[in-house]
Amino acid sequence: MYEVNAFAVSLGVYIFTHPEIVAEYVGEIKRARKFLKEELSKDGFSIIPGFANFALINIGEKKKAVQIVKGLFNEKIIIKGGFGEICMEPYIRVGLGTLEQMKIFLYKFRKVLVDISEEATHL
């Protein structure tokens, strides 16, 4: 457990008394998920349907998922992937953010895919 400071408590109280802030944020996350799903489908990837604040993207295989995690880390984006559970092996887990943040993620994701592809052709 972590201690919560006075600022965090004050912010929490403020948000509880202003539910429109939460509703606006949830709407933004829904728009970001829809955008990401549509764009990734153009590239042949799919997102598992869900209602969480993250997306599970099917990459196809664990090895490629691990390469993407490492490549995005080098691009200053931290995601999860390369899971040990067999049913999760082909997936990466991406936290959802604003539409603008998802556009940045998508740009860097596509860049990493190109980098991975170029590495494979040079072997």
Protein backbone atom coordinates (compact mmCIF):
# COMPACT_ATOMS: atom_id res chain seq x y z
CA MET A 1 0.00 0.00 0.00
CA TYR A 2 1.10 3.53 -0.70
CA GLU A 3 0.28 6.60 1.31
CA VAL A 4 -1.85 9.20 -0.44
CA ASN A 5 -0.82 12.82 -0.06
CA ALA A 6 -3.17 15.72 0.71
CA PHE A 7 -3.16 16.91 -2.90
CA ALA A 8 -4.34 13.51 -4.17
CA VAL A 9 -7.09 13.40 -1.55
CA SER A 10 -8.25 16.93 -2.49
CA LEU A 11 -8.25 16.04 -6.18
CA GLY A 12 -10.22 12.84 -5.46
CA VAL A 13 -12.85 14.77 -3.51
CA TYR A 14 -13.08 17.35 -6.30
CA ILE A 15 -13.61 14.66 -8.95
CA PHE A 16 -16.28 12.92 -6.83
CA THR A 17 -18.18 16.18 -6.63
CA HIS A 18 -17.80 16.86 -10.37
CA PRO A 19 -18.90 13.66 -12.16
CA GLU A 20 -18.91 15.46 -15.51
CA ILE A 21 -15.09 15.29 -15.43
CA VAL A 22 -15.18 11.51 -15.26
CA ALA A 23 -17.89 11.31 -17.94
CA GLU A 24 -15.83 13.52 -20.27
CA TYR A 25 -12.71 11.41 -19.71
CA VAL A 26 -14.59 8.15 -20.29
CA GLY A 27 -15.96 9.58 -23.54
CA GLU A 28 -12.45 10.53 -24.63
CA ILE A 29 -11.17 7.02 -23.90
CA LYS A 30 -14.06 5.50 -25.90
CA ARG A 31 -13.23 7.74 -28.88
CA ALA A 32 -9.55 6.82 -28.59
CA ARG A 33 -10.37 3.07 -28.48
CA LYS A 34 -12.60 3.39 -31.57
CA PHE A 35 -9.90 5.33 -33.44
CA LEU A 36 -7.20 2.84 -32.51
CA LYS A 37 -9.38 -0.14 -33.48
CA GLU A 38 -10.20 1.38 -36.87
CA GLU A 39 -6.61 2.32 -37.64
CA LEU A 40 -5.11 -0.98 -36.52
CA SER A 41 -7.64 -2.92 -38.59
CA LYS A 42 -6.21 -1.13 -41.66
CA ASP A 43 -2.86 -2.71 -40.77
CA GLY A 44 -4.35 -6.17 -40.22
CA PHE A 45 -4.40 -6.11 -36.41
CA SER A 46 -7.37 -6.58 -34.12
CA ILE A 47 -8.27 -5.40 -30.63
CA ILE A 48 -10.09 -7.70 -28.23
CA PRO A 49 -13.50 -6.13 -27.44
CA GLY A 50 -13.66 -4.70 -23.95
CA PHE A 51 -14.54 -1.83 -21.67
CA ALA A 52 -11.27 -1.34 -19.77
CA ASN A 53 -8.83 1.54 -20.02
CA PHE A 54 -6.45 -0.60 -22.04
CA ALA A 55 -6.50 -2.48 -25.33
CA LEU A 56 -5.27 -6.00 -26.03
CA ILE A 57 -3.89 -6.00 -29.57
CA ASN A 58 -3.35 -9.31 -31.35
CA ILE A 59 0.12 -9.16 -32.90
CA GLY A 60 0.09 -12.76 -34.06
CA GLU A 61 3.03 -14.24 -32.18
CA LYS A 62 4.95 -13.83 -28.95
CA LYS A 63 8.32 -13.13 -30.64
CA LYS A 64 6.91 -10.19 -32.56
CA ALA A 65 5.07 -8.92 -29.46
CA VAL A 66 8.37 -8.90 -27.56
CA GLN A 67 10.08 -7.03 -30.41
CA ILE A 68 7.31 -4.42 -30.42
CA VAL A 69 7.53 -3.95 -26.64
CA LYS A 70 11.29 -3.37 -26.91
CA GLY A 71 10.97 -1.10 -29.93
CA LEU A 72 8.30 1.05 -28.32
CA PHE A 73 10.35 1.25 -25.12
CA ASN A 74 13.15 2.77 -27.23
CA GLU A 75 10.54 5.26 -28.49
CA LYS A 76 9.66 6.19 -24.87
CA ILE A 77 6.37 4.26 -24.87
CA ILE A 78 5.95 1.57 -22.24
CA ILE A 79 3.50 -1.25 -22.93
CA LYS A 80 3.25 -4.88 -21.87
CA GLY A 81 3.69 -7.93 -24.04
CA GLY A 82 5.50 -11.21 -24.34
CA PHE A 83 3.21 -12.72 -21.75
CA GLY A 84 3.98 -16.15 -20.29
CA GLU A 85 0.41 -17.44 -20.48
CA ILE A 86 -0.14 -19.31 -23.74
CA CYS A 87 -3.49 -17.64 -24.41
CA MET A 88 -1.86 -14.20 -24.07
CA GLU A 89 1.31 -14.84 -26.09
CA PRO A 90 0.25 -13.07 -29.31
CA TYR A 91 -0.98 -9.92 -27.53
CA ILE A 92 0.38 -6.60 -26.40
CA ARG A 93 -1.42 -4.54 -23.74
CA VAL A 94 -1.64 -0.83 -24.45
CA GLY A 95 -3.03 1.67 -21.98
CA LEU A 96 -5.59 3.93 -23.62
CA GLY A 97 -5.25 7.69 -23.41
CA THR A 98 -6.55 10.69 -25.23
CA LEU A 99 -7.09 10.66 -28.97
CA GLU A 100 -3.91 12.71 -29.40
CA GLN A 101 -1.91 10.24 -27.30
CA MET A 102 -3.26 7.32 -29.35
CA LYS A 103 -2.22 9.08 -32.57
CA ILE A 104 1.32 9.34 -31.19
CA PHE A 105 1.24 5.70 -30.12
CA LEU A 106 0.01 4.61 -33.56
CA TYR A 107 2.72 6.61 -35.33
CA LYS A 108 5.46 5.05 -33.18
CA PHE A 109 3.87 1.58 -33.36
CA ARG A 110 3.95 1.73 -37.16
CA LYS A 111 7.55 2.99 -37.06
CA VAL A 112 8.57 0.04 -34.89
CA LEU A 113 6.84 -2.38 -37.27
CA VAL A 114 8.90 -0.96 -40.14
CA ASP A 115 12.08 -1.22 -38.07
CA ILE A 116 11.32 -4.86 -37.20
CA SER A 117 10.61 -5.64 -40.86
CA GLU A 118 13.86 -4.01 -41.97
CA GLU A 119 15.84 -5.95 -39.34
CA ALA A 120 14.33 -9.21 -40.60
CA THR A 121 15.34 -8.47 -44.20
CA HIS A 122 18.94 -7.76 -43.19
CA LEU A 123 19.42 -11.12 -41.47
